[in-house]
PDB file of N, CA and C in Angstrom:
ATOM      1  N   UNK A   1      96.631  64.999  44.077  1.00  0.00           N
ATOM      2  CA  UNK A   1      97.877  64.338  43.559  1.00  0.00           C
ATOM      3  C   UNK A   1      97.554  63.675  42.324  1.00  0.00           C
ATOM      4  N   UNK A   2      98.538  64.087  41.301  1.00  0.00           N
ATOM      5  CA  UNK A   2      98.201  63.503  39.773  1.00  0.00           C
ATOM      6  C   UNK A   2      99.218  62.415  39.655  1.00  0.00           C
ATOM      7  N   UNK A   3      99.045  61.257  39.644  1.00  0.00           N
ATOM      8  CA  UNK A   3      99.888  59.904  39.864  1.00  0.00           C
ATOM      9  C   UNK A   3      99.753  59.305  38.514  1.00  0.00           C
ATOM     10  N   UNK A   4     100.799  58.587  37.768  1.00  0.00           N
ATOM     11  CA  UNK A   4     100.775  57.703  36.737  1.00  0.00           C
ATOM     12  C   UNK A   4     100.229  56.593  37.140  1.00  0.00           C
ATOM     13  N   UNK A   5      99.023  56.058  36.533  1.00  0.00           N
ATOM     14  CA  UNK A   5      98.469  54.833  36.911  1.00  0.00           C
ATOM     15  C   UNK A   5      99.301  53.508  36.981  1.00  0.00           C
ATOM     16  N   UNK A   6     100.155  53.673  36.031  1.00  0.00           N
ATOM     17  CA  UNK A   6     101.085  52.435  35.995  1.00  0.00           C
ATOM     18  C   UNK A   6     102.276  52.306  37.005  1.00  0.00           C
ATOM     19  N   UNK A   7     102.266  53.567  37.849  1.00  0.00           N
ATOM     20  CA  UNK A   7     103.345  53.361  38.631  1.00  0.00           C
ATOM     21  C   UNK A   7     103.083  52.547  39.922  1.00  0.00           C
ATOM     22  N   UNK A   8     104.128  52.194  40.666  1.00  0.00           N
ATOM     23  CA  UNK A   8     104.301  51.183  41.877  1.00  0.00           C
ATOM     24  C   UNK A   8     103.355  52.104  42.928  1.00  0.00           C
ATOM     25  N   UNK A   9     103.589  53.330  43.234  1.00  0.00           N
ATOM     26  CA  UNK A   9     102.964  54.231  43.950  1.00  0.00           C
ATOM     27  C   UNK A   9     101.249  53.993  43.765  1.00  0.00           C
ATOM     28  N   UNK A  10     100.848  54.195  42.537  1.00  0.00           N
ATOM     29  CA  UNK A  10      99.557  54.102  42.426  1.00  0.00           C
ATOM     30  C   UNK A  10      98.754  52.739  42.423  1.00  0.00           C
ATOM     31  N   UNK A  11      99.607  51.772  42.227  1.00  0.00           N
ATOM     32  CA  UNK A  11      99.343  50.418  42.470  1.00  0.00           C
ATOM     33  C   UNK A  11      99.255  50.193  43.825  1.00  0.00           C
ATOM     34  N   UNK A  12     100.193  50.517  44.817  1.00  0.00           N
ATOM     35  CA  UNK A  12     100.346  50.257  46.123  1.00  0.00           C
ATOM     36  C   UNK A  12      98.946  50.825  46.798  1.00  0.00           C
ATOM     37  N   UNK A  13      98.756  52.076  46.355  1.00  0.00           N
ATOM     38  CA  UNK A  13      97.579  52.893  46.939  1.00  0.00           C
ATOM     39  C   UNK A  13      96.373  52.022  46.636  1.00  0.00           C
ATOM     40  N   UNK A  14      96.144  51.557  45.713  1.00  0.00           N
ATOM     41  CA  UNK A  14      94.953  50.759  45.342  1.00  0.00           C
ATOM     42  C   UNK A  14      94.735  49.638  46.106  1.00  0.00           C
ATOM     43  N   UNK A  15      95.775  48.951  46.796  1.00  0.00           N
ATOM     44  CA  UNK A  15      95.846  47.836  47.391  1.00  0.00           C
ATOM     45  C   UNK A  15      95.784  48.293  48.961  1.00  0.00           C
ATOM     46  N   UNK A  16      96.365  49.394  49.338  1.00  0.00           N
ATOM     47  CA  UNK A  16      96.121  49.894  50.706  1.00  0.00           C
ATOM     48  C   UNK A  16      96.270  51.460  50.642  1.00  0.00           C
ATOM     49  N   UNK A  17      95.000  51.889  50.902  1.00  0.00           N
ATOM     50  CA  UNK A  17      95.291  53.574  50.662  1.00  0.00           C
ATOM     51  C   UNK A  17      95.606  54.337  51.657  1.00  0.00           C
ATOM     52  N   UNK A  18      96.091  53.737  52.859  1.00  0.00           N
ATOM     53  CA  UNK A  18      96.926  54.469  53.673  1.00  0.00           C
ATOM     54  C   UNK A  18      98.036  55.318  53.210  1.00  0.00           C
ATOM     55  N   UNK A  19      98.068  56.671  53.433  1.00  0.00           N
ATOM     56  CA  UNK A  19      99.269  57.454  52.816  1.00  0.00           C
ATOM     57  C   UNK A  19      99.700  58.671  53.917  1.00  0.00           C
ATOM     58  N   UNK A  20     100.911  58.810  53.787  1.00  0.00           N
ATOM     59  CA  UNK A  20     101.466  60.027  54.469  1.00  0.00           C
ATOM     60  C   UNK A  20     102.069  60.679  53.597  1.00  0.00           C
ATOM     61  N   UNK A  21     101.798  62.263  53.711  1.00  0.00           N
ATOM     62  CA  UNK A  21     102.600  63.104  52.657  1.00  0.00           C
ATOM     63  C   UNK A  21     103.265  64.041  53.622  1.00  0.00           C
ATOM     64  N   UNK A  22     104.628  64.519  53.261  1.00  0.00           N
ATOM     65  CA  UNK A  22     105.435  65.348  54.056  1.00  0.00           C
ATOM     66  C   UNK A  22     105.720  66.252  53.114  1.00  0.00           C
ATOM     67  N   UNK A  23     105.642  67.745  53.637  1.00  0.00           N
ATOM     68  CA  UNK A  23     106.169  68.609  52.803  1.00  0.00           C
ATOM     69  C   UNK A  23     107.101  69.866  53.935  1.00  0.00           C
ATOM     70  N   UNK A  24     108.262  69.757  53.585  1.00  0.00           N
ATOM     71  CA  UNK A  24     109.067  70.635  54.413  1.00  0.00           C
ATOM     72  C   UNK A  24     110.009  71.708  53.825  1.00  0.00           C
ATOM     73  N   UNK A  25     110.467  72.362  54.595  1.00  0.00           N
ATOM     74  CA  UNK A  25     111.424  73.423  53.632  1.00  0.00           C
ATOM     75  C   UNK A  25     112.368  73.964  54.994  1.00  0.00           C
ATOM     76  N   UNK A  26     113.596  74.622  54.512  1.00  0.00           N
ATOM     77  CA  UNK A  26     114.632  74.718  55.265  1.00  0.00           C
ATOM     78  C   UNK A  26     116.042  74.260  55.120  1.00  0.00           C
ATOM     79  N   UNK A  27     117.074  74.870  55.345  1.00  0.00           N
ATOM     80  CA  UNK A  27     118.301  74.271  55.158  1.00  0.00           C
ATOM     81  C   UNK A  27     119.104  73.902  56.636  1.00  0.00           C
ATOM     82  N   UNK A  28     119.243  74.858  57.439  1.00  0.00           N
ATOM     83  CA  UNK A  28     119.956  74.818  58.768  1.00  0.00           C
ATOM     84  C   UNK A  28     118.899  74.353  59.744  1.00  0.00           C
ATOM     85  N   UNK A  29     119.545  73.838  60.733  1.00  0.00           N
ATOM     86  CA  UNK A  29     118.524  73.409  61.848  1.00  0.00           C
ATOM     87  C   UNK A  29     117.499  74.060  62.408  1.00  0.00           C
ATOM     88  N   UNK A  30     117.833  75.346  62.498  1.00  0.00           N
ATOM     89  CA  UNK A  30     116.961  76.523  63.120  1.00  0.00           C
ATOM     90  C   UNK A  30     116.152  77.073  62.021  1.00  0.00           C
ATOM     91  N   UNK A  31     116.016  76.888  60.914  1.00  0.00           N
ATOM     92  CA  UNK A  31     114.936  77.160  59.986  1.00  0.00           C
ATOM     93  C   UNK A  31     114.137  76.104  59.447  1.00  0.00           C
ATOM     94  N   UNK A  32     114.088  75.030  59.965  1.00  0.00           N
ATOM     95  CA  UNK A  32     113.494  73.872  59.273  1.00  0.00           C
ATOM     96  C   UNK A  32     112.209  74.080  59.767  1.00  0.00           C
ATOM     97  N   UNK A  33     110.867  73.670  59.042  1.00  0.00           N
ATOM     98  CA  UNK A  33     109.641  73.779  59.320  1.00  0.00           C
ATOM     99  C   UNK A  33     108.890  72.740  58.278  1.00  0.00           C
ATOM    100  N   UNK A  34     107.672  72.096  58.462  1.00  0.00           N
ATOM    101  CA  UNK A  34     107.004  71.598  57.779  1.00  0.00           C
ATOM    102  C   UNK A  34     105.541  70.729  58.302  1.00  0.00           C
ATOM    103  N   UNK A  35     104.983  70.065  57.414  1.00  0.00           N
ATOM    104  CA  UNK A  35     103.919  69.262  57.701  1.00  0.00           C
ATOM    105  C   UNK A  35     103.616  68.053  57.135  1.00  0.00           C
ATOM    106  N   UNK A  36     103.128  67.254  58.304  1.00  0.00           N
ATOM    107  CA  UNK A  36     102.914  65.925  57.985  1.00  0.00           C
ATOM    108  C   UNK A  36     101.440  65.574  57.742  1.00  0.00           C
ATOM    109  N   UNK A  37     101.014  65.136  56.633  1.00  0.00           N
ATOM    110  CA  UNK A  37      99.501  64.605  56.577  1.00  0.00           C
ATOM    111  C   UNK A  37      99.299  63.249  56.324  1.00  0.00           C
ATOM    112  N   UNK A  38      98.475  62.662  57.392  1.00  0.00           N
ATOM    113  CA  UNK A  38      98.241  61.038  57.293  1.00  0.00           C
ATOM    114  C   UNK A  38      96.719  61.129  56.979  1.00  0.00           C
ATOM    115  N   UNK A  39      96.497  60.016  56.014  1.00  0.00           N
ATOM    116  CA  UNK A  39      95.150  59.515  55.979  1.00  0.00           C
ATOM    117  C   UNK A  39      94.872  58.483  54.964  1.00  0.00           C
ATOM    118  N   UNK A  40      93.920  58.667  53.848  1.00  0.00           N
ATOM    119  CA  UNK A  40      93.553  57.518  53.008  1.00  0.00           C
ATOM    120  C   UNK A  40      93.673  58.285  51.478  1.00  0.00           C
ATOM    121  N   UNK A  41      94.082  57.556  50.419  1.00  0.00           N
ATOM    122  CA  UNK A  41      94.093  58.315  49.294  1.00  0.00           C
ATOM    123  C   UNK A  41      92.992  57.437  48.460  1.00  0.00           C
ATOM    124  N   UNK A  42      92.397  58.647  47.819  1.00  0.00           N
ATOM    125  CA  UNK A  42      91.063  57.917  46.730  1.00  0.00           C
ATOM    126  C   UNK A  42      91.195  58.386  45.563  1.00  0.00           C
ATOM    127  N   UNK A  43      90.801  57.806  44.510  1.00  0.00           N
ATOM    128  CA  UNK A  43      90.661  58.354  43.161  1.00  0.00           C
ATOM    129  C   UNK A  43      89.718  59.206  42.980  1.00  0.00           C
ATOM    130  N   UNK A  44      89.991  60.234  42.229  1.00  0.00           N
ATOM    131  CA  UNK A  44      88.863  61.254  41.894  1.00  0.00           C
ATOM    132  C   UNK A  44      88.857  61.239  40.121  1.00  0.00           C
ATOM    133  N   UNK A  45      87.815  61.095  39.575  1.00  0.00           N
ATOM    134  CA  UNK A  45      87.431  60.781  38.270  1.00  0.00           C
ATOM    135  C   UNK A  45      87.960  59.507  37.646  1.00  0.00           C
ATOM    136  N   UNK A  46      87.944  59.371  36.230  1.00  0.00           N
ATOM    137  CA  UNK A  46      88.196  58.187  35.631  1.00  0.00           C
ATOM    138  C   UNK A  46      89.662  57.791  35.728  1.00  0.00           C
ATOM    139  N   UNK A  47      90.091  56.659  35.775  1.00  0.00           N
ATOM    140  CA  UNK A  47      91.273  55.968  35.609  1.00  0.00           C
ATOM    141  C   UNK A  47      91.550  55.274  34.404  1.00  0.00           C
ATOM    142  N   UNK A  48      92.482  55.833  33.576  1.00  0.00           N
ATOM    143  CA  UNK A  48      93.111  57.113  33.743  1.00  0.00           C
ATOM    144  C   UNK A  48      92.263  58.205  33.315  1.00  0.00           C
ATOM    145  N   UNK A  49      92.764  59.362  33.706  1.00  0.00           N
ATOM    146  CA  UNK A  49      91.829  60.732  33.418  1.00  0.00           C
ATOM    147  C   UNK A  49      92.216  60.811  32.046  1.00  0.00           C
ATOM    148  N   UNK A  50      91.075  61.071  31.260  1.00  0.00           N
ATOM    149  CA  UNK A  50      91.052  61.470  29.834  1.00  0.00           C
ATOM    150  C   UNK A  50      90.086  62.702  29.566  1.00  0.00           C
ATOM    151  N   UNK A  51      89.436  63.233  30.593  1.00  0.00           N
ATOM    152  CA  UNK A  51      88.697  64.386  30.577  1.00  0.00           C
ATOM    153  C   UNK A  51      87.138  63.975  29.912  1.00  0.00           C
ATOM    154  N   UNK A  52      86.988  62.574  29.871  1.00  0.00           N
ATOM    155  CA  UNK A  52      85.473  62.426  29.139  1.00  0.00           C
ATOM    156  C   UNK A  52      84.525  62.330  30.273  1.00  0.00           C
ATOM    157  N   UNK A  53      84.842  62.444  31.524  1.00  0.00           N
ATOM    158  CA  UNK A  53      83.626  62.668  32.494  1.00  0.00           C
ATOM    159  C   UNK A  53      83.931  64.077  33.111  1.00  0.00           C
ATOM    160  N   UNK A  54      82.738  64.607  33.313  1.00  0.00           N
ATOM    161  CA  UNK A  54      82.777  66.078  33.931  1.00  0.00           C
ATOM    162  C   UNK A  54      82.797  65.805  35.377  1.00  0.00           C
ATOM    163  N   UNK A  55      84.063  66.093  36.270  1.00  0.00           N
ATOM    164  CA  UNK A  55      84.331  66.323  37.642  1.00  0.00           C
ATOM    165  C   UNK A  55      84.273  67.660  38.183  1.00  0.00           C
ATOM    166  N   UNK A  56      83.064  68.182  38.623  1.00  0.00           N
ATOM    167  CA  UNK A  56      83.136  69.302  39.129  1.00  0.00           C
ATOM    168  C   UNK A  56      84.360  69.953  40.186  1.00  0.00           C
ATOM    169  N   UNK A  57      84.783  68.942  40.979  1.00  0.00           N
ATOM    170  CA  UNK A  57      85.737  69.505  42.080  1.00  0.00           C
ATOM    171  C   UNK A  57      87.121  69.255  41.440  1.00  0.00           C
ATOM    172  N   UNK A  58      87.135  68.783  40.174  1.00  0.00           N
ATOM    173  CA  UNK A  58      88.556  68.936  39.426  1.00  0.00           C
ATOM    174  C   UNK A  58      88.588  69.947  38.614  1.00  0.00           C
ATOM    175  N   UNK A  59      87.882  70.910  38.090  1.00  0.00           N
ATOM    176  CA  UNK A  59      87.851  71.988  37.491  1.00  0.00           C
ATOM    177  C   UNK A  59      88.852  72.880  37.786  1.00  0.00           C
ATOM    178  N   UNK A  60      88.847  73.402  38.978  1.00  0.00           N
ATOM    179  CA  UNK A  60      89.806  74.388  39.528  1.00  0.00           C
ATOM    180  C   UNK A  60      91.433  73.773  39.636  1.00  0.00           C
ATOM    181  N   UNK A  61      91.168  72.389  40.037  1.00  0.00           N
ATOM    182  CA  UNK A  61      92.672  71.841  40.193  1.00  0.00           C
ATOM    183  C   UNK A  61      93.149  71.481  38.908  1.00  0.00           C
ATOM    184  N   UNK A  62      92.500  71.296  37.712  1.00  0.00           N
ATOM    185  CA  UNK A  62      93.017  70.812  36.549  1.00  0.00           C
ATOM    186  C   UNK A  62      93.577  72.095  35.943  1.00  0.00           C
ATOM    187  N   UNK A  63      92.688  73.052  35.995  1.00  0.00           N
ATOM    188  CA  UNK A  63      93.051  74.548  35.398  1.00  0.00           C
ATOM    189  C   UNK A  63      94.406  74.995  35.922  1.00  0.00           C
ATOM    190  N   UNK A  64      94.370  74.758  37.343  1.00  0.00           N
ATOM    191  CA  UNK A  64      95.538  75.345  38.053  1.00  0.00           C
ATOM    192  C   UNK A  64      97.007  74.314  37.668  1.00  0.00           C
ATOM    193  N   UNK A  65      96.704  73.186  37.528  1.00  0.00           N
ATOM    194  CA  UNK A  65      97.724  72.138  37.179  1.00  0.00           C
ATOM    195  C   UNK A  65      98.139  72.836  35.785  1.00  0.00           C
ATOM    196  N   UNK A  66      97.106  72.791  34.787  1.00  0.00           N
ATOM    197  CA  UNK A  66      97.609  73.132  33.465  1.00  0.00           C
ATOM    198  C   UNK A  66      98.356  74.498  33.239  1.00  0.00           C
ATOM    199  N   UNK A  67      97.784  75.393  34.089  1.00  0.00           N
ATOM    200  CA  UNK A  67      98.776  76.513  33.899  1.00  0.00           C
ATOM    201  C   UNK A  67     100.108  76.669  34.336  1.00  0.00           C
ATOM    202  N   UNK A  68     100.197  75.985  35.508  1.00  0.00           N
ATOM    203  CA  UNK A  68     101.698  76.237  36.272  1.00  0.00           C
ATOM    204  C   UNK A  68     102.599  75.035  35.505  1.00  0.00           C
ATOM    205  N   UNK A  69     101.942  73.837  34.921  1.00  0.00           N
ATOM    206  CA  UNK A  69     102.937  72.756  34.406  1.00  0.00           C
ATOM    207  C   UNK A  69     103.032  72.681  33.149  1.00  0.00           C
ATOM    208  N   UNK A  70     101.867  73.118  32.327  1.00  0.00           N
ATOM    209  CA  UNK A  70     101.748  73.186  30.911  1.00  0.00           C
ATOM    210  C   UNK A  70     101.405  74.391  30.225  1.00  0.00           C
ATOM    211  N   UNK A  71     101.812  75.726  30.900  1.00  0.00           N
ATOM    212  CA  UNK A  71     101.292  76.743  30.296  1.00  0.00           C
ATOM    213  C   UNK A  71     100.330  76.480  29.379  1.00  0.00           C
ATOM    214  N   UNK A  72      99.081  76.209  29.931  1.00  0.00           N
ATOM    215  CA  UNK A  72      97.929  76.262  29.351  1.00  0.00           C
ATOM    216  C   UNK A  72      96.970  76.602  29.887  1.00  0.00           C
ATOM    217  N   UNK A  73      95.504  76.822  29.660  1.00  0.00           N
ATOM    218  CA  UNK A  73      94.229  77.280  30.317  1.00  0.00           C
ATOM    219  C   UNK A  73      93.711  75.549  30.606  1.00  0.00           C
ATOM    220  N   UNK A  74      93.886  74.982  29.792  1.00  0.00           N
ATOM    221  CA  UNK A  74      93.034  73.795  30.109  1.00  0.00           C
ATOM    222  C   UNK A  74      94.194  72.364  30.246  1.00  0.00           C
ATOM    223  N   UNK A  75      93.920  71.368  30.780  1.00  0.00           N
ATOM    224  CA  UNK A  75      94.642  70.486  30.755  1.00  0.00           C
ATOM    225  C   UNK A  75      94.883  69.461  29.886  1.00  0.00           C
ATOM    226  N   UNK A  76      95.961  69.199  29.376  1.00  0.00           N
ATOM    227  CA  UNK A  76      96.223  68.322  28.159  1.00  0.00           C
ATOM    228  C   UNK A  76      96.158  66.743  28.811  1.00  0.00           C
ATOM    229  N   UNK A  77      95.217  66.322  28.632  1.00  0.00           N
ATOM    230  CA  UNK A  77      95.167  65.027  28.946  1.00  0.00           C
ATOM    231  C   UNK A  77      95.984  63.714  28.022  1.00  0.00           C
ATOM    232  N   UNK A  78      96.643  62.949  29.044  1.00  0.00           N
ATOM    233  CA  UNK A  78      97.631  62.023  28.478  1.00  0.00           C
ATOM    234  C   UNK A  78      97.088  60.494  28.451  1.00  0.00           C
ATOM    235  N   UNK A  79      96.143  60.250  29.239  1.00  0.00           N
ATOM    236  CA  UNK A  79      95.553  58.896  29.301  1.00  0.00           C
ATOM    237  C   UNK A  79      96.327  57.885  29.999  1.00  0.00           C
ATOM    238  N   UNK A  80      97.468  58.453  30.948  1.00  0.00           N
ATOM    239  CA  UNK A  80      98.256  57.905  31.648  1.00  0.00           C
ATOM    240  C   UNK A  80      98.263  58.098  33.112  1.00  0.00           C
ATOM    241  N   UNK A  81      97.832  59.144  33.623  1.00  0.00           N
ATOM    242  CA  UNK A  81      97.423  59.967  35.114  1.00  0.00           C
ATOM    243  C   UNK A  81      96.029  59.750  35.543  1.00  0.00           C
ATOM    244  N   UNK A  82      95.718  59.713  36.767  1.00  0.00           N
ATOM    245  CA  UNK A  82      94.954  59.869  37.427  1.00  0.00           C
ATOM    246  C   UNK A  82      95.003  60.840  38.708  1.00  0.00           C
ATOM    247  N   UNK A  83      93.902  61.464  39.391  1.00  0.00           N
ATOM    248  CA  UNK A  83      93.788  62.297  40.488  1.00  0.00           C
ATOM    249  C   UNK A  83      93.549  61.271  41.673  1.00  0.00           C
ATOM    250  N   UNK A  84      94.498  61.708  42.696  1.00  0.00           N
ATOM    251  CA  UNK A  84      94.134  61.074  44.189  1.00  0.00           C
ATOM    252  C   UNK A  84      93.997  62.371  44.970  1.00  0.00           C
ATOM    253  N   UNK A  85      93.058  62.167  45.814  1.00  0.00           N
ATOM    254  CA  UNK A  85      92.840  63.173  46.754  1.00  0.00           C
ATOM    255  C   UNK A  85      93.307  62.253  48.226  1.00  0.00           C
ATOM    256  N   UNK A  86      93.891  63.284  48.897  1.00  0.00           N
ATOM    257  CA  UNK A  86      94.035  62.570  50.377  1.00  0.00           C
ATOM    258  C   UNK A  86      92.796  62.973  51.584  1.00  0.00           C
ATOM    259  N   UNK A  87      92.303  62.196  51.966  1.00  0.00           N
ATOM    260  CA  UNK A  87      91.296  62.397  53.071  1.00  0.00           C
ATOM    261  C   UNK A  87      91.940  62.137  54.275  1.00  0.00           C
ATOM    262  N   UNK A  88      92.356  63.483  54.893  1.00  0.00           N
ATOM    263  CA  UNK A  88      93.334  63.661  56.138  1.00  0.00           C
ATOM    264  C   UNK A  88      92.763  63.100  57.367  1.00  0.00           C
ATOM    265  N   UNK A  89      93.414  62.327  58.049  1.00  0.00           N
ATOM    266  CA  UNK A  89      92.981  61.778  59.481  1.00  0.00           C
ATOM    267  C   UNK A  89      93.626  62.750  60.577  1.00  0.00           C
ATOM    268  N   UNK A  90      94.948  63.087  60.407  1.00  0.00           N
ATOM    269  CA  UNK A  90      96.160  63.758  61.038  1.00  0.00           C
ATOM    270  C   UNK A  90      96.798  64.675  60.411  1.00  0.00           C
ATOM    271  N   UNK A  91      97.107  65.910  60.956  1.00  0.00           N
ATOM    272  CA  UNK A  91      98.204  66.708  60.675  1.00  0.00           C
ATOM    273  C   UNK A  91      99.087  67.082  61.941  1.00  0.00           C
ATOM    274  N   UNK A  92     100.250  67.030  61.433  1.00  0.00           N
ATOM    275  CA  UNK A  92     101.491  66.983  62.542  1.00  0.00           C
ATOM    276  C   UNK A  92     102.398  68.154  61.770  1.00  0.00           C
ATOM    277  N   UNK A  93     102.692  69.271  62.476  1.00  0.00           N
ATOM    278  CA  UNK A  93     103.638  70.380  61.890  1.00  0.00           C
ATOM    279  C   UNK A  93     104.493  70.743  62.716  1.00  0.00           C
ATOM    280  N   UNK A  94     105.805  71.151  62.128  1.00  0.00           N
ATOM    281  CA  UNK A  94     106.855  71.889  63.079  1.00  0.00           C
ATOM    282  C   UNK A  94     107.432  72.992  62.576  1.00  0.00           C
ATOM    283  N   UNK A  95     107.870  73.808  63.326  1.00  0.00           N
ATOM    284  CA  UNK A  95     108.621  75.138  62.983  1.00  0.00           C
ATOM    285  C   UNK A  95     109.704  75.557  63.691  1.00  0.00           C
ATOM    286  N   UNK A  96     110.901  74.972  63.386  1.00  0.00           N
ATOM    287  CA  UNK A  96     112.008  75.109  64.465  1.00  0.00           C
ATOM    288  C   UNK A  96     112.490  76.631  64.493  1.00  0.00           C
ATOM    289  N   UNK A  97     112.014  77.324  63.614  1.00  0.00           N
ATOM    290  CA  UNK A  97     112.356  78.924  63.915  1.00  0.00           C
ATOM    291  C   UNK A  97     111.533  79.518  64.854  1.00  0.00           C
ATOM    292  N   UNK A  98     110.418  78.971  65.559  1.00  0.00           N
ATOM    293  CA  UNK A  98     109.730  79.163  66.585  1.00  0.00           C
ATOM    294  C   UNK A  98     110.272  78.873  68.083  1.00  0.00           C
ATOM    295  N   UNK A  99     111.523  78.049  67.825  1.00  0.00           N
ATOM    296  CA  UNK A  99     112.060  77.730  69.282  1.00  0.00           C
ATOM    297  C   UNK A  99     112.739  78.706  69.881  1.00  0.00           C
ATOM    298  N   UNK A 100     112.717  79.309  71.015  1.00  0.00           N
ATOM    299  CA  UNK A 100     113.142  80.103  71.788  1.00  0.00           C
ATOM    300  C   UNK A 100     114.560  79.836  72.266  1.00  0.00           C
ATOM    301  N   UNK A 101     115.608  80.774  71.684  1.00  0.00           N
ATOM    302  CA  UNK A 101     116.992  80.495  71.872  1.00  0.00           C
ATOM    303  C   UNK A 101     117.713  78.931  71.269  1.00  0.00           C
ATOM    304  N   UNK A 102     116.861  78.728  70.122  1.00  0.00           N
ATOM    305  CA  UNK A 102     117.315  77.779  69.226  1.00  0.00           C
ATOM    306  C   UNK A 102     118.406  77.829  68.570  1.00  0.00           C
ATOM    307  N   UNK A 103     118.757  76.837  67.588  1.00  0.00           N
ATOM    308  CA  UNK A 103     120.030  77.034  67.016  1.00  0.00           C
ATOM    309  C   UNK A 103     120.209  78.295  66.158  1.00  0.00           C
ATOM    310  N   UNK A 104     121.428  78.902  65.912  1.00  0.00           N
ATOM    311  CA  UNK A 104     121.290  80.202  65.358  1.00  0.00           C
ATOM    312  C   UNK A 104     121.098  79.794  63.786  1.00  0.00           C
ATOM    313  N   UNK A 105     120.689  80.760  62.987  1.00  0.00           N
ATOM    314  CA  UNK A 105     120.255  80.883  61.572  1.00  0.00           C
ATOM    315  C   UNK A 105     121.461  81.045  60.964  1.00  0.00           C
ATOM    316  N   UNK A 106     121.784  80.595  59.629  1.00  0.00           N
ATOM    317  CA  UNK A 106     122.802  80.832  58.801  1.00  0.00           C
ATOM    318  C   UNK A 106     123.182  82.408  58.883  1.00  0.00           C
ATOM    319  N   UNK A 107     124.388  82.765  59.133  1.00  0.00           N
ATOM    320  CA  UNK A 107     124.783  83.961  59.070  1.00  0.00           C
ATOM    321  C   UNK A 107     124.669  84.861  60.421  1.00  0.00           C
ATOM    322  N   UNK A 108     124.041  84.065  61.479  1.00  0.00           N
ATOM    323  CA  UNK A 108     123.894  84.736  62.808  1.00  0.00           C
ATOM    324  C   UNK A 108     125.217  84.110  63.822  1.00  0.00           C
ATOM    325  N   UNK A 109     125.714  83.049  63.499  1.00  0.00           N
ATOM    326  CA  UNK A 109     126.663  82.498  64.108  1.00  0.00           C
ATOM    327  C   UNK A 109     127.955  82.335  64.581  1.00  0.00           C
TER     328      UNK A 109
END
């Protein structure tokens, strides 16, 4: 995760690194699916990230972020953000599309 270091979220995670991250998809009940990751967040690289330190594990992450969100090959550092990684302790997932006889999907009903 790429977080602004002055944000409440970043400050809270410095005080207590426990975190839960949820990613979900779907609109109607019968198509809902997602995953919840719980664990601890830790900083990778300098705070804020300026690119001054070479961090091998961030090379592909920063390149991917730069391409997707900045339209560049290399990350433009703003000295406001830092990288966090979640060391996952538990994964819970769901996929209501797999429920036999579940709720009808949009257009089936």
